[in-house]
C-alpha cells in the first residue's frame, strides 16, 4: 500500500507563520512568496510530492487554516 496526502490551506485564516513549514517531517510545505492573501500574508502550500497526510501541519497551525487529505492506494508498495 502507498499513501498519498495533500493539504488545502485557507487564505482566510493562514497568516504565514511558518509553523507548518518547520513541523512537516517530509519537508514538502513552504510559503508561496509569489502570492499574497487578501490579508497580505504569503500562504503555505505544498512545494513538491511526498506528503503522506500525517496531519502534523494541521495540528501545529494556530489558526486551523489547514485541511489534510489522505488516500491509501492499494497495490503499490509503500
C-alpha atoms as a PDB file:
ATOM      1  CA  UNK A   1       0.000   0.000   0.000  1.00  0.00           C
ATOM      2  CA  UNK A   2       1.083   3.532  -0.771  1.00  0.00           C
ATOM      3  CA  UNK A   3      -0.146   6.648   0.997  1.00  0.00           C
ATOM      4  CA  UNK A   4      -0.726   9.906  -0.819  1.00  0.00           C
ATOM      5  CA  UNK A   5      -1.563  13.061   1.042  1.00  0.00           C
ATOM      6  CA  UNK A   6      -2.260  16.668   0.254  1.00  0.00           C
ATOM      7  CA  UNK A   7      -3.365  19.794   2.037  1.00  0.00           C
ATOM      8  CA  UNK A   8      -5.649  22.714   1.391  1.00  0.00           C
ATOM      9  CA  UNK A   9      -4.739  25.984   3.065  1.00  0.00           C
ATOM     10  CA  UNK A  10      -7.420  28.578   3.725  1.00  0.00           C
ATOM     11  CA  UNK A  11      -6.356  32.030   2.564  1.00  0.00           C
ATOM     12  CA  UNK A  12      -8.856  33.440   5.032  1.00  0.00           C
ATOM     13  CA  UNK A  13      -7.011  32.006   8.039  1.00  0.00           C
ATOM     14  CA  UNK A  14      -3.368  31.417   7.030  1.00  0.00           C
ATOM     15  CA  UNK A  15      -1.116  34.180   8.328  1.00  0.00           C
ATOM     16  CA  UNK A  16       2.179  32.782   7.018  1.00  0.00           C
ATOM     17  CA  UNK A  17       3.594  31.970  10.458  1.00  0.00           C
ATOM     18  CA  UNK A  18       5.654  29.047   9.048  1.00  0.00           C
ATOM     19  CA  UNK A  19       4.885  26.681  11.949  1.00  0.00           C
ATOM     20  CA  UNK A  20       3.639  24.093   9.439  1.00  0.00           C
ATOM     21  CA  UNK A  21       6.764  24.550   7.300  1.00  0.00           C
ATOM     22  CA  UNK A  22       9.056  23.702  10.211  1.00  0.00           C
ATOM     23  CA  UNK A  23       6.838  20.899  11.559  1.00  0.00           C
ATOM     24  CA  UNK A  24       6.496  18.954   8.283  1.00  0.00           C
ATOM     25  CA  UNK A  25       8.584  15.761   8.580  1.00  0.00           C
ATOM     26  CA  UNK A  26       8.554  15.308   4.783  1.00  0.00           C
ATOM     27  CA  UNK A  27       9.685  18.908   4.191  1.00  0.00           C
ATOM     28  CA  UNK A  28       7.121  19.470   1.444  1.00  0.00           C
ATOM     29  CA  UNK A  29       5.484  22.687   2.721  1.00  0.00           C
ATOM     30  CA  UNK A  30       6.738  26.210   2.187  1.00  0.00           C
ATOM     31  CA  UNK A  31       5.305  29.697   1.935  1.00  0.00           C
ATOM     32  CA  UNK A  32       4.191  30.838  -1.500  1.00  0.00           C
ATOM     33  CA  UNK A  33       6.228  34.008  -1.935  1.00  0.00           C
ATOM     34  CA  UNK A  34       4.534  34.647  -5.307  1.00  0.00           C
ATOM     35  CA  UNK A  35       1.097  35.094  -3.704  1.00  0.00           C
ATOM     36  CA  UNK A  36      -0.475  37.291  -1.071  1.00  0.00           C
ATOM     37  CA  UNK A  37      -3.775  36.585   0.638  1.00  0.00           C
ATOM     38  CA  UNK A  38      -6.345  39.373   0.907  1.00  0.00           C
ATOM     39  CA  UNK A  39      -4.945  39.980   4.401  1.00  0.00           C
ATOM     40  CA  UNK A  40      -1.424  40.460   2.996  1.00  0.00           C
ATOM     41  CA  UNK A  41       0.209  37.184   4.039  1.00  0.00           C
ATOM     42  CA  UNK A  42       2.153  34.639   1.981  1.00  0.00           C
ATOM     43  CA  UNK A  43       0.155  31.415   2.393  1.00  0.00           C
ATOM     44  CA  UNK A  44       1.566  27.937   2.924  1.00  0.00           C
ATOM     45  CA  UNK A  45       1.371  25.364   0.142  1.00  0.00           C
ATOM     46  CA  UNK A  46       2.878  22.039  -0.934  1.00  0.00           C
ATOM     47  CA  UNK A  47       6.023  22.620  -2.984  1.00  0.00           C
ATOM     48  CA  UNK A  48       6.810  19.039  -4.003  1.00  0.00           C
ATOM     49  CA  UNK A  49       5.499  15.496  -3.875  1.00  0.00           C
ATOM     50  CA  UNK A  50       5.903  13.440  -0.756  1.00  0.00           C
ATOM     51  CA  UNK A  51       3.054  14.487   1.531  1.00  0.00           C
ATOM     52  CA  UNK A  52       1.782  11.464   3.458  1.00  0.00           C
ATOM     53  CA  UNK A  53      -1.189  13.177   5.068  1.00  0.00           C
ATOM     54  CA  UNK A  54       0.302  12.808   8.556  1.00  0.00           C
ATOM     55  CA  UNK A  55      -1.589  15.978   9.645  1.00  0.00           C
ATOM     56  CA  UNK A  56       1.206  17.355  11.817  1.00  0.00           C
ATOM     57  CA  UNK A  57       0.934  20.637   9.914  1.00  0.00           C
ATOM     58  CA  UNK A  58      -2.746  20.926  10.791  1.00  0.00           C
ATOM     59  CA  UNK A  59      -2.074  20.119  14.438  1.00  0.00           C
ATOM     60  CA  UNK A  60       0.504  22.893  14.839  1.00  0.00           C
ATOM     61  CA  UNK A  61      -1.462  25.519  12.894  1.00  0.00           C
ATOM     62  CA  UNK A  62      -2.712  28.032  15.472  1.00  0.00           C
ATOM     63  CA  UNK A  63      -5.478  29.258  13.168  1.00  0.00           C
ATOM     64  CA  UNK A  64      -6.824  25.915  11.861  1.00  0.00           C
ATOM     65  CA  UNK A  65      -6.050  27.056   8.321  1.00  0.00           C
ATOM     66  CA  UNK A  66      -5.001  23.609   7.037  1.00  0.00           C
ATOM     67  CA  UNK A  67      -7.220  20.743   5.947  1.00  0.00           C
ATOM     68  CA  UNK A  68      -5.382  17.456   5.361  1.00  0.00           C
ATOM     69  CA  UNK A  69      -6.445  14.746   2.952  1.00  0.00           C
ATOM     70  CA  UNK A  70      -5.044  11.231   2.865  1.00  0.00           C
ATOM     71  CA  UNK A  71      -5.542   8.458   0.332  1.00  0.00           C
ATOM     72  CA  UNK A  72      -4.356   4.878   0.700  1.00  0.00           C
ATOM     73  CA  UNK A  73      -3.617   3.335  -2.684  1.00  0.00           C
ATOM     74  CA  UNK A  74      -3.676  -0.460  -2.667  1.00  0.00           C
ATOM     75  CA  UNK A  75      -1.459  -2.495  -4.906  1.00  0.00           C
ATOM     76  CA  UNK A  76       1.662  -0.337  -4.793  1.00  0.00           C
ATOM     77  CA  UNK A  77       4.475  -0.773  -2.308  1.00  0.00           C
ATOM     78  CA  UNK A  78       4.652   1.817   0.463  1.00  0.00           C
END
